[in-house]
């Protein structure tokens, strides 16, 4: 299963994100309401180990992930890589709620 790492050009990722967000705004308006707050979460060290079933499943909370992002908006100098994980939590929920 080892292969070359997948390279994602960030400018293309940004463009894809903008296009998807514009689509959501066109149908949902300027805000979305998420139906659920809690979700199952697999820790990062087990998430991509697809040859082994995860031993640990935790519970995440969308409102907590969103709070981390609001904190980032209030103080952009606090940005850390994990903000992308919290953003992914929220984006996944928006994508799944609006795909219905």
PDB file of N, CA and C in Angstrom:
ATOM      1  N   UNK A   1       0.804  -1.192   0.000  1.00  0.00           N
ATOM      2  CA  UNK A   1       0.000   0.000   0.000  1.00  0.00           C
ATOM      3  C   UNK A   1       0.850   1.261   0.000  1.00  0.00           C
ATOM      4  N   UNK A   2       2.126   1.153   0.235  1.00  0.00           N
ATOM      5  CA  UNK A   2       2.982   2.332   0.208  1.00  0.00           C
ATOM      6  C   UNK A   2       3.135   2.822  -1.220  1.00  0.00           C
ATOM      7  N   UNK A   3       3.003   4.110  -1.390  1.00  0.00           N
ATOM      8  CA  UNK A   3       3.155   4.718  -2.699  1.00  0.00           C
ATOM      9  C   UNK A   3       3.654   6.141  -2.497  1.00  0.00           C
ATOM     10  N   UNK A   4       3.768   6.834  -3.604  1.00  0.00           N
ATOM     11  CA  UNK A   4       4.192   8.222  -3.525  1.00  0.00           C
ATOM     12  C   UNK A   4       3.146   9.026  -2.753  1.00  0.00           C
ATOM     13  N   UNK A   5       3.597   9.977  -1.946  1.00  0.00           N
ATOM     14  CA  UNK A   5       2.625  10.819  -1.234  1.00  0.00           C
ATOM     15  C   UNK A   5       1.767  11.617  -2.219  1.00  0.00           C
ATOM     16  N   UNK A   6       0.518  11.759  -1.888  1.00  0.00           N
ATOM     17  CA  UNK A   6      -0.402  12.563  -2.681  1.00  0.00           C
ATOM     18  C   UNK A   6      -0.057  14.033  -2.465  1.00  0.00           C
ATOM     19  N   UNK A   7       0.226  14.747  -3.539  1.00  0.00           N
ATOM     20  CA  UNK A   7       0.571  16.167  -3.447  1.00  0.00           C
ATOM     21  C   UNK A   7      -0.657  16.993  -3.840  1.00  0.00           C
ATOM     22  N   UNK A   8      -1.033  17.886  -2.960  1.00  0.00           N
ATOM     23  CA  UNK A   8      -2.206  18.727  -3.174  1.00  0.00           C
ATOM     24  C   UNK A   8      -1.727  20.170  -3.348  1.00  0.00           C
ATOM     25  N   UNK A   9      -1.847  20.721  -4.544  1.00  0.00           N
ATOM     26  CA  UNK A   9      -1.497  22.135  -4.731  1.00  0.00           C
ATOM     27  C   UNK A   9      -2.480  23.012  -3.934  1.00  0.00           C
ATOM     28  N   UNK A  10      -1.968  23.814  -3.038  1.00  0.00           N
ATOM     29  CA  UNK A  10      -2.835  24.583  -2.159  1.00  0.00           C
ATOM     30  C   UNK A  10      -3.689  25.599  -2.907  1.00  0.00           C
ATOM     31  N   UNK A  11      -3.197  26.124  -4.009  1.00  0.00           N
ATOM     32  CA  UNK A  11      -4.023  27.058  -4.770  1.00  0.00           C
ATOM     33  C   UNK A  11      -5.240  26.340  -5.364  1.00  0.00           C
ATOM     34  N   UNK A  12      -5.053  25.114  -5.807  1.00  0.00           N
ATOM     35  CA  UNK A  12      -6.184  24.344  -6.335  1.00  0.00           C
ATOM     36  C   UNK A  12      -7.143  23.943  -5.223  1.00  0.00           C
ATOM     37  N   UNK A  13      -6.595  23.599  -4.068  1.00  0.00           N
ATOM     38  CA  UNK A  13      -7.432  23.266  -2.913  1.00  0.00           C
ATOM     39  C   UNK A  13      -8.274  24.478  -2.519  1.00  0.00           C
ATOM     40  N   UNK A  14      -7.654  25.655  -2.467  1.00  0.00           N
ATOM     41  CA  UNK A  14      -8.370  26.880  -2.134  1.00  0.00           C
ATOM     42  C   UNK A  14      -9.505  27.139  -3.141  1.00  0.00           C
ATOM     43  N   UNK A  15      -9.213  26.944  -4.428  1.00  0.00           N
ATOM     44  CA  UNK A  15     -10.224  27.152  -5.462  1.00  0.00           C
ATOM     45  C   UNK A  15     -11.367  26.153  -5.321  1.00  0.00           C
ATOM     46  N   UNK A  16     -11.047  24.889  -5.085  1.00  0.00           N
ATOM     47  CA  UNK A  16     -12.080  23.866  -4.897  1.00  0.00           C
ATOM     48  C   UNK A  16     -12.950  24.199  -3.690  1.00  0.00           C
ATOM     49  N   UNK A  17     -12.319  24.661  -2.619  1.00  0.00           N
ATOM     50  CA  UNK A  17     -13.066  25.038  -1.422  1.00  0.00           C
ATOM     51  C   UNK A  17     -14.013  26.196  -1.721  1.00  0.00           C
ATOM     52  N   UNK A  18     -13.517  27.202  -2.407  1.00  0.00           N
ATOM     53  CA  UNK A  18     -14.345  28.362  -2.756  1.00  0.00           C
ATOM     54  C   UNK A  18     -15.543  27.960  -3.616  1.00  0.00           C
ATOM     55  N   UNK A  19     -15.315  27.101  -4.592  1.00  0.00           N
ATOM     56  CA  UNK A  19     -16.407  26.643  -5.459  1.00  0.00           C
ATOM     57  C   UNK A  19     -17.467  25.887  -4.664  1.00  0.00           C
ATOM     58  N   UNK A  20     -17.016  24.994  -3.783  1.00  0.00           N
ATOM     59  CA  UNK A  20     -17.958  24.232  -2.959  1.00  0.00           C
ATOM     60  C   UNK A  20     -18.716  25.153  -2.011  1.00  0.00           C
ATOM     61  N   UNK A  21     -18.028  26.104  -1.423  1.00  0.00           N
ATOM     62  CA  UNK A  21     -18.664  27.040  -0.504  1.00  0.00           C
ATOM     63  C   UNK A  21     -19.677  27.926  -1.231  1.00  0.00           C
ATOM     64  N   UNK A  22     -19.347  28.360  -2.435  1.00  0.00           N
ATOM     65  CA  UNK A  22     -20.290  29.154  -3.221  1.00  0.00           C
ATOM     66  C   UNK A  22     -21.561  28.356  -3.513  1.00  0.00           C
ATOM     67  N   UNK A  23     -21.410  27.071  -3.780  1.00  0.00           N
ATOM     68  CA  UNK A  23     -22.562  26.205  -4.055  1.00  0.00           C
ATOM     69  C   UNK A  23     -23.464  26.103  -2.832  1.00  0.00           C
ATOM     70  N   UNK A  24     -22.855  25.952  -1.657  1.00  0.00           N
ATOM     71  CA  UNK A  24     -23.624  25.868  -0.414  1.00  0.00           C
ATOM     72  C   UNK A  24     -24.336  27.189  -0.151  1.00  0.00           C
ATOM     73  N   UNK A  25     -23.633  28.302  -0.340  1.00  0.00           N
ATOM     74  CA  UNK A  25     -24.243  29.615  -0.117  1.00  0.00           C
ATOM     75  C   UNK A  25     -25.428  29.853  -1.051  1.00  0.00           C
ATOM     76  N   UNK A  26     -25.327  29.369  -2.279  1.00  0.00           N
ATOM     77  CA  UNK A  26     -26.409  29.555  -3.248  1.00  0.00           C
ATOM     78  C   UNK A  26     -27.684  28.846  -2.807  1.00  0.00           C
ATOM     79  N   UNK A  27     -27.536  27.741  -2.101  1.00  0.00           N
ATOM     80  CA  UNK A  27     -28.725  26.995  -1.686  1.00  0.00           C
ATOM     81  C   UNK A  27     -29.110  27.239  -0.227  1.00  0.00           C
ATOM     82  N   UNK A  28     -28.123  27.461   0.646  1.00  0.00           N
ATOM     83  CA  UNK A  28     -28.414  27.572   2.079  1.00  0.00           C
ATOM     84  C   UNK A  28     -28.388  29.003   2.595  1.00  0.00           C
ATOM     85  N   UNK A  29     -27.813  29.913   1.832  1.00  0.00           N
ATOM     86  CA  UNK A  29     -27.699  31.281   2.307  1.00  0.00           C
ATOM     87  C   UNK A  29     -26.377  31.509   3.027  1.00  0.00           C
ATOM     88  N   UNK A  30     -26.360  32.488   3.916  1.00  0.00           N
ATOM     89  CA  UNK A  30     -25.096  32.904   4.533  1.00  0.00           C
ATOM     90  C   UNK A  30     -24.724  32.109   5.781  1.00  0.00           C
ATOM     91  N   UNK A  31     -25.569  31.193   6.210  1.00  0.00           N
ATOM     92  CA  UNK A  31     -25.262  30.353   7.373  1.00  0.00           C
ATOM     93  C   UNK A  31     -25.930  28.996   7.193  1.00  0.00           C
ATOM     94  N   UNK A  32     -25.350  27.989   7.826  1.00  0.00           N
ATOM     95  CA  UNK A  32     -25.947  26.656   7.805  1.00  0.00           C
ATOM     96  C   UNK A  32     -26.226  26.227   9.240  1.00  0.00           C
ATOM     97  N   UNK A  33     -27.294  25.480   9.407  1.00  0.00           N
ATOM     98  CA  UNK A  33     -27.631  24.908  10.708  1.00  0.00           C
ATOM     99  C   UNK A  33     -27.288  23.426  10.650  1.00  0.00           C
ATOM    100  N   UNK A  34     -26.463  22.984  11.570  1.00  0.00           N
ATOM    101  CA  UNK A  34     -26.065  21.579  11.592  1.00  0.00           C
ATOM    102  C   UNK A  34     -26.975  20.802  12.533  1.00  0.00           C
ATOM    103  N   UNK A  35     -27.472  19.687  12.033  1.00  0.00           N
ATOM    104  CA  UNK A  35     -28.453  18.887  12.752  1.00  0.00           C
ATOM    105  C   UNK A  35     -27.864  18.213  14.000  1.00  0.00           C
ATOM    106  N   UNK A  36     -26.612  17.808  13.923  1.00  0.00           N
ATOM    107  CA  UNK A  36     -25.988  17.065  15.025  1.00  0.00           C
ATOM    108  C   UNK A  36     -24.813  17.845  15.588  1.00  0.00           C
ATOM    109  N   UNK A  37     -24.479  17.581  16.840  1.00  0.00           N
ATOM    110  CA  UNK A  37     -23.315  18.216  17.458  1.00  0.00           C
ATOM    111  C   UNK A  37     -22.208  17.198  17.702  1.00  0.00           C
ATOM    112  N   UNK A  38     -22.559  16.009  18.153  1.00  0.00           N
ATOM    113  CA  UNK A  38     -21.556  14.994  18.486  1.00  0.00           C
ATOM    114  C   UNK A  38     -21.340  14.053  17.311  1.00  0.00           C
ATOM    115  N   UNK A  39     -20.113  13.551  17.194  1.00  0.00           N
ATOM    116  CA  UNK A  39     -19.776  12.632  16.112  1.00  0.00           C
ATOM    117  C   UNK A  39     -18.676  11.679  16.580  1.00  0.00           C
ATOM    118  N   UNK A  40     -18.604  10.541  15.891  1.00  0.00           N
ATOM    119  CA  UNK A  40     -17.533   9.587  16.162  1.00  0.00           C
ATOM    120  C   UNK A  40     -16.243  10.103  15.533  1.00  0.00           C
ATOM    121  N   UNK A  41     -15.140   9.893  16.239  1.00  0.00           N
ATOM    122  CA  UNK A  41     -13.841  10.367  15.762  1.00  0.00           C
ATOM    123  C   UNK A  41     -12.797   9.278  15.978  1.00  0.00           C
ATOM    124  N   UNK A  42     -11.974   9.072  14.982  1.00  0.00           N
ATOM    125  CA  UNK A  42     -10.877   8.105  15.086  1.00  0.00           C
ATOM    126  C   UNK A  42      -9.586   8.915  15.263  1.00  0.00           C
ATOM    127  N   UNK A  43      -8.786   8.618  16.288  1.00  0.00           N
ATOM    128  CA  UNK A  43      -7.549   9.358  16.500  1.00  0.00           C
ATOM    129  C   UNK A  43      -6.625   9.298  15.278  1.00  0.00           C
ATOM    130  N   UNK A  44      -5.881  10.371  15.068  1.00  0.00           N
ATOM    131  CA  UNK A  44      -5.031  10.518  13.892  1.00  0.00           C
ATOM    132  C   UNK A  44      -4.068   9.376  13.650  1.00  0.00           C
ATOM    133  N   UNK A  45      -3.499   8.809  14.711  1.00  0.00           N
ATOM    134  CA  UNK A  45      -2.523   7.735  14.521  1.00  0.00           C
ATOM    135  C   UNK A  45      -3.170   6.442  14.029  1.00  0.00           C
ATOM    136  N   UNK A  46      -4.488   6.320  14.153  1.00  0.00           N
ATOM    137  CA  UNK A  46      -5.195   5.130  13.681  1.00  0.00           C
ATOM    138  C   UNK A  46      -6.013   5.396  12.416  1.00  0.00           C
ATOM    139  N   UNK A  47      -6.243   6.634  12.112  1.00  0.00           N
ATOM    140  CA  UNK A  47      -7.151   7.016  11.027  1.00  0.00           C
ATOM    141  C   UNK A  47      -6.720   6.482   9.671  1.00  0.00           C
ATOM    142  N   UNK A  48      -5.443   6.502   9.389  1.00  0.00           N
ATOM    143  CA  UNK A  48      -4.956   6.098   8.067  1.00  0.00           C
ATOM    144  C   UNK A  48      -4.289   4.730   8.071  1.00  0.00           C
ATOM    145  N   UNK A  49      -4.393   4.016   9.172  1.00  0.00           N
ATOM    146  CA  UNK A  49      -3.868   2.651   9.261  1.00  0.00           C
ATOM    147  C   UNK A  49      -4.994   1.703   8.831  1.00  0.00           C
ATOM    148  N   UNK A  50      -5.244   1.661   7.524  1.00  0.00           N
ATOM    149  CA  UNK A  50      -6.408   0.927   7.015  1.00  0.00           C
ATOM    150  C   UNK A  50      -6.245  -0.588   7.068  1.00  0.00           C
ATOM    151  N   UNK A  51      -5.053  -1.056   7.362  1.00  0.00           N
ATOM    152  CA  UNK A  51      -4.847  -2.496   7.489  1.00  0.00           C
ATOM    153  C   UNK A  51      -5.278  -3.019   8.854  1.00  0.00           C
ATOM    154  N   UNK A  52      -5.506  -2.111   9.786  1.00  0.00           N
ATOM    155  CA  UNK A  52      -5.922  -2.489  11.134  1.00  0.00           C
ATOM    156  C   UNK A  52      -7.163  -1.703  11.523  1.00  0.00           C
ATOM    157  N   UNK A  53      -8.132  -2.408  12.078  1.00  0.00           N
ATOM    158  CA  UNK A  53      -9.336  -1.739  12.549  1.00  0.00           C
ATOM    159  C   UNK A  53      -8.969  -0.834  13.721  1.00  0.00           C
ATOM    160  N   UNK A  54      -9.547   0.364  13.781  1.00  0.00           N
ATOM    161  CA  UNK A  54      -9.227   1.263  14.903  1.00  0.00           C
ATOM    162  C   UNK A  54      -9.563   0.624  16.242  1.00  0.00           C
ATOM    163  N   UNK A  55      -8.662   0.799  17.189  1.00  0.00           N
ATOM    164  CA  UNK A  55      -8.881   0.278  18.532  1.00  0.00           C
ATOM    165  C   UNK A  55      -9.559   1.323  19.409  1.00  0.00           C
ATOM    166  N   UNK A  56      -9.399   2.578  19.017  1.00  0.00           N
ATOM    167  CA  UNK A  56      -9.927   3.676  19.806  1.00  0.00           C
ATOM    168  C   UNK A  56     -10.855   4.515  18.946  1.00  0.00           C
ATOM    169  N   UNK A  57     -12.059   4.660  19.395  1.00  0.00           N
ATOM    170  CA  UNK A  57     -12.988   5.583  18.758  1.00  0.00           C
ATOM    171  C   UNK A  57     -13.433   6.546  19.853  1.00  0.00           C
ATOM    172  N   UNK A  58     -13.278   7.830  19.570  1.00  0.00           N
ATOM    173  CA  UNK A  58     -13.650   8.832  20.560  1.00  0.00           C
ATOM    174  C   UNK A  58     -14.869   9.607  20.052  1.00  0.00           C
ATOM    175  N   UNK A  59     -15.314  10.529  20.850  1.00  0.00           N
ATOM    176  CA  UNK A  59     -16.440  11.376  20.478  1.00  0.00           C
ATOM    177  C   UNK A  59     -15.922  12.790  20.285  1.00  0.00           C
ATOM    178  N   UNK A  60     -16.267  13.373  19.136  1.00  0.00           N
ATOM    179  CA  UNK A  60     -15.955  14.765  18.878  1.00  0.00           C
ATOM    180  C   UNK A  60     -17.221  15.592  18.992  1.00  0.00           C
ATOM    181  N   UNK A  61     -17.038  16.906  19.028  1.00  0.00           N
ATOM    182  CA  UNK A  61     -18.185  17.804  19.159  1.00  0.00           C
ATOM    183  C   UNK A  61     -18.013  18.972  18.193  1.00  0.00           C
ATOM    184  N   UNK A  62     -18.974  19.120  17.294  1.00  0.00           N
ATOM    185  CA  UNK A  62     -18.895  20.172  16.284  1.00  0.00           C
ATOM    186  C   UNK A  62     -18.852  21.560  16.903  1.00  0.00           C
ATOM    187  N   UNK A  63     -19.634  21.788  17.950  1.00  0.00           N
ATOM    188  CA  UNK A  63     -19.625  23.109  18.575  1.00  0.00           C
ATOM    189  C   UNK A  63     -18.254  23.423  19.170  1.00  0.00           C
ATOM    190  N   UNK A  64     -17.553  22.418  19.658  1.00  0.00           N
ATOM    191  CA  UNK A  64     -16.204  22.622  20.177  1.00  0.00           C
ATOM    192  C   UNK A  64     -15.228  22.913  19.037  1.00  0.00           C
ATOM    193  N   UNK A  65     -15.344  22.165  17.946  1.00  0.00           N
ATOM    194  CA  UNK A  65     -14.485  22.424  16.781  1.00  0.00           C
ATOM    195  C   UNK A  65     -14.731  23.833  16.256  1.00  0.00           C
ATOM    196  N   UNK A  66     -15.992  24.230  16.176  1.00  0.00           N
ATOM    197  CA  UNK A  66     -16.331  25.566  15.704  1.00  0.00           C
ATOM    198  C   UNK A  66     -15.780  26.635  16.653  1.00  0.00           C
ATOM    199  N   UNK A  67     -15.829  26.384  17.961  1.00  0.00           N
ATOM    200  CA  UNK A  67     -15.284  27.350  18.928  1.00  0.00           C
ATOM    201  C   UNK A  67     -13.789  27.566  18.699  1.00  0.00           C
ATOM    202  N   UNK A  68     -13.059  26.504  18.395  1.00  0.00           N
ATOM    203  CA  UNK A  68     -11.631  26.648  18.088  1.00  0.00           C
ATOM    204  C   UNK A  68     -11.434  27.540  16.864  1.00  0.00           C
ATOM    205  N   UNK A  69     -12.306  27.404  15.885  1.00  0.00           N
ATOM    206  CA  UNK A  69     -12.195  28.224  14.673  1.00  0.00           C
ATOM    207  C   UNK A  69     -12.577  29.672  14.958  1.00  0.00           C
ATOM    208  N   UNK A  70     -13.580  29.894  15.801  1.00  0.00           N
ATOM    209  CA  UNK A  70     -13.919  31.264  16.192  1.00  0.00           C
ATOM    210  C   UNK A  70     -12.772  31.909  16.962  1.00  0.00           C
ATOM    211  N   UNK A  71     -12.115  31.132  17.813  1.00  0.00           N
ATOM    212  CA  UNK A  71     -10.952  31.639  18.543  1.00  0.00           C
ATOM    213  C   UNK A  71      -9.840  32.043  17.568  1.00  0.00           C
ATOM    214  N   UNK A  72      -9.659  31.247  16.530  1.00  0.00           N
ATOM    215  CA  UNK A  72      -8.659  31.567  15.508  1.00  0.00           C
ATOM    216  C   UNK A  72      -9.021  32.874  14.802  1.00  0.00           C
ATOM    217  N   UNK A  73     -10.291  33.035  14.472  1.00  0.00           N
ATOM    218  CA  UNK A  73     -10.731  34.272  13.823  1.00  0.00           C
ATOM    219  C   UNK A  73     -10.491  35.488  14.716  1.00  0.00           C
ATOM    220  N   UNK A  74     -10.638  35.310  16.014  1.00  0.00           N
ATOM    221  CA  UNK A  74     -10.411  36.400  16.961  1.00  0.00           C
ATOM    222  C   UNK A  74      -8.933  36.726  17.118  1.00  0.00           C
ATOM    223  N   UNK A  75      -8.074  35.736  16.927  1.00  0.00           N
ATOM    224  CA  UNK A  75      -6.623  35.939  17.070  1.00  0.00           C
ATOM    225  C   UNK A  75      -5.887  35.074  16.055  1.00  0.00           C
ATOM    226  N   UNK A  76      -5.762  35.564  14.801  1.00  0.00           N
ATOM    227  CA  UNK A  76      -5.127  34.783  13.736  1.00  0.00           C
ATOM    228  C   UNK A  76      -3.688  34.359  14.041  1.00  0.00           C
ATOM    229  N   UNK A  77      -3.033  35.025  14.966  1.00  0.00           N
ATOM    230  CA  UNK A  77      -1.656  34.662  15.321  1.00  0.00           C
ATOM    231  C   UNK A  77      -1.584  33.341  16.074  1.00  0.00           C
ATOM    232  N   UNK A  78      -2.715  32.825  16.491  1.00  0.00           N
ATOM    233  CA  UNK A  78      -2.759  31.551  17.226  1.00  0.00           C
ATOM    234  C   UNK A  78      -2.913  30.345  16.311  1.00  0.00           C
ATOM    235  N   UNK A  79      -2.846  30.566  15.013  1.00  0.00           N
ATOM    236  CA  UNK A  79      -3.066  29.472  14.057  1.00  0.00           C
ATOM    237  C   UNK A  79      -2.069  28.340  14.270  1.00  0.00           C
ATOM    238  N   UNK A  80      -2.598  27.137  14.301  1.00  0.00           N
ATOM    239  CA  UNK A  80      -1.780  25.922  14.362  1.00  0.00           C
ATOM    240  C   UNK A  80      -2.340  24.942  13.333  1.00  0.00           C
ATOM    241  N   UNK A  81      -1.565  23.959  12.984  1.00  0.00           N
ATOM    242  CA  UNK A  81      -1.995  22.984  11.993  1.00  0.00           C
ATOM    243  C   UNK A  81      -3.281  22.274  12.365  1.00  0.00           C
ATOM    244  N   UNK A  82      -3.526  22.082  13.643  1.00  0.00           N
ATOM    245  CA  UNK A  82      -4.721  21.343  14.067  1.00  0.00           C
ATOM    246  C   UNK A  82      -6.006  22.106  13.750  1.00  0.00           C
ATOM    247  N   UNK A  83      -5.898  23.410  13.487  1.00  0.00           N
ATOM    248  CA  UNK A  83      -7.094  24.142  13.077  1.00  0.00           C
ATOM    249  C   UNK A  83      -7.693  23.537  11.803  1.00  0.00           C
ATOM    250  N   UNK A  84      -6.866  22.951  10.965  1.00  0.00           N
ATOM    251  CA  UNK A  84      -7.379  22.291   9.761  1.00  0.00           C
ATOM    252  C   UNK A  84      -8.195  21.055  10.117  1.00  0.00           C
ATOM    253  N   UNK A  85      -7.844  20.377  11.190  1.00  0.00           N
ATOM    254  CA  UNK A  85      -8.616  19.208  11.633  1.00  0.00           C
ATOM    255  C   UNK A  85      -9.980  19.676  12.135  1.00  0.00           C
ATOM    256  N   UNK A  86     -10.000  20.748  12.935  1.00  0.00           N
ATOM    257  CA  UNK A  86     -11.279  21.273  13.419  1.00  0.00           C
ATOM    258  C   UNK A  86     -12.118  21.785  12.253  1.00  0.00           C
ATOM    259  N   UNK A  87     -11.470  22.432  11.288  1.00  0.00           N
ATOM    260  CA  UNK A  87     -12.177  22.893  10.095  1.00  0.00           C
ATOM    261  C   UNK A  87     -12.762  21.697   9.340  1.00  0.00           C
ATOM    262  N   UNK A  88     -11.991  20.630   9.234  1.00  0.00           N
ATOM    263  CA  UNK A  88     -12.466  19.426   8.538  1.00  0.00           C
ATOM    264  C   UNK A  88     -13.681  18.828   9.238  1.00  0.00           C
ATOM    265  N   UNK A  89     -13.696  18.843  10.570  1.00  0.00           N
ATOM    266  CA  UNK A  89     -14.870  18.348  11.310  1.00  0.00           C
ATOM    267  C   UNK A  89     -16.116  19.096  10.869  1.00  0.00           C
ATOM    268  N   UNK A  90     -16.018  20.416  10.852  1.00  0.00           N
ATOM    269  CA  UNK A  90     -17.162  21.263  10.512  1.00  0.00           C
ATOM    270  C   UNK A  90     -17.539  21.100   9.042  1.00  0.00           C
ATOM    271  N   UNK A  91     -16.545  21.081   8.171  1.00  0.00           N
ATOM    272  CA  UNK A  91     -16.823  20.956   6.743  1.00  0.00           C
ATOM    273  C   UNK A  91     -17.476  19.618   6.412  1.00  0.00           C
ATOM    274  N   UNK A  92     -17.028  18.563   7.045  1.00  0.00           N
ATOM    275  CA  UNK A  92     -17.643  17.245   6.810  1.00  0.00           C
ATOM    276  C   UNK A  92     -19.125  17.281   7.199  1.00  0.00           C
ATOM    277  N   UNK A  93     -19.417  17.873   8.338  1.00  0.00           N
ATOM    278  CA  UNK A  93     -20.815  17.949   8.789  1.00  0.00           C
ATOM    279  C   UNK A  93     -21.657  18.790   7.832  1.00  0.00           C
ATOM    280  N   UNK A  94     -21.120  19.912   7.369  1.00  0.00           N
ATOM    281  CA  UNK A  94     -21.847  20.742   6.421  1.00  0.00           C
ATOM    282  C   UNK A  94     -22.071  19.967   5.120  1.00  0.00           C
ATOM    283  N   UNK A  95     -21.042  19.313   4.633  1.00  0.00           N
ATOM    284  CA  UNK A  95     -21.163  18.538   3.400  1.00  0.00           C
ATOM    285  C   UNK A  95     -22.187  17.438   3.519  1.00  0.00           C
ATOM    286  N   UNK A  96     -22.199  16.742   4.647  1.00  0.00           N
ATOM    287  CA  UNK A  96     -23.149  15.646   4.809  1.00  0.00           C
ATOM    288  C   UNK A  96     -24.569  16.158   5.037  1.00  0.00           C
ATOM    289  N   UNK A  97     -24.726  17.251   5.752  1.00  0.00           N
ATOM    290  CA  UNK A  97     -26.069  17.794   5.981  1.00  0.00           C
ATOM    291  C   UNK A  97     -26.664  18.393   4.708  1.00  0.00           C
ATOM    292  N   UNK A  98     -25.830  19.007   3.881  1.00  0.00           N
ATOM    293  CA  UNK A  98     -26.362  19.664   2.683  1.00  0.00           C
ATOM    294  C   UNK A  98     -26.452  18.717   1.494  1.00  0.00           C
ATOM    295  N   UNK A  99     -25.903  17.525   1.606  1.00  0.00           N
ATOM    296  CA  UNK A  99     -25.976  16.556   0.512  1.00  0.00           C
ATOM    297  C   UNK A  99     -27.324  15.854   0.472  1.00  0.00           C
ATOM    298  N   UNK A 100     -28.112  15.996   1.496  1.00  0.00           N
ATOM    299  CA  UNK A 100     -29.408  15.317   1.599  1.00  0.00           C
ATOM    300  C   UNK A 100     -30.434  15.940   0.703  1.00  0.00           C
TER     301      UNK A 100
END
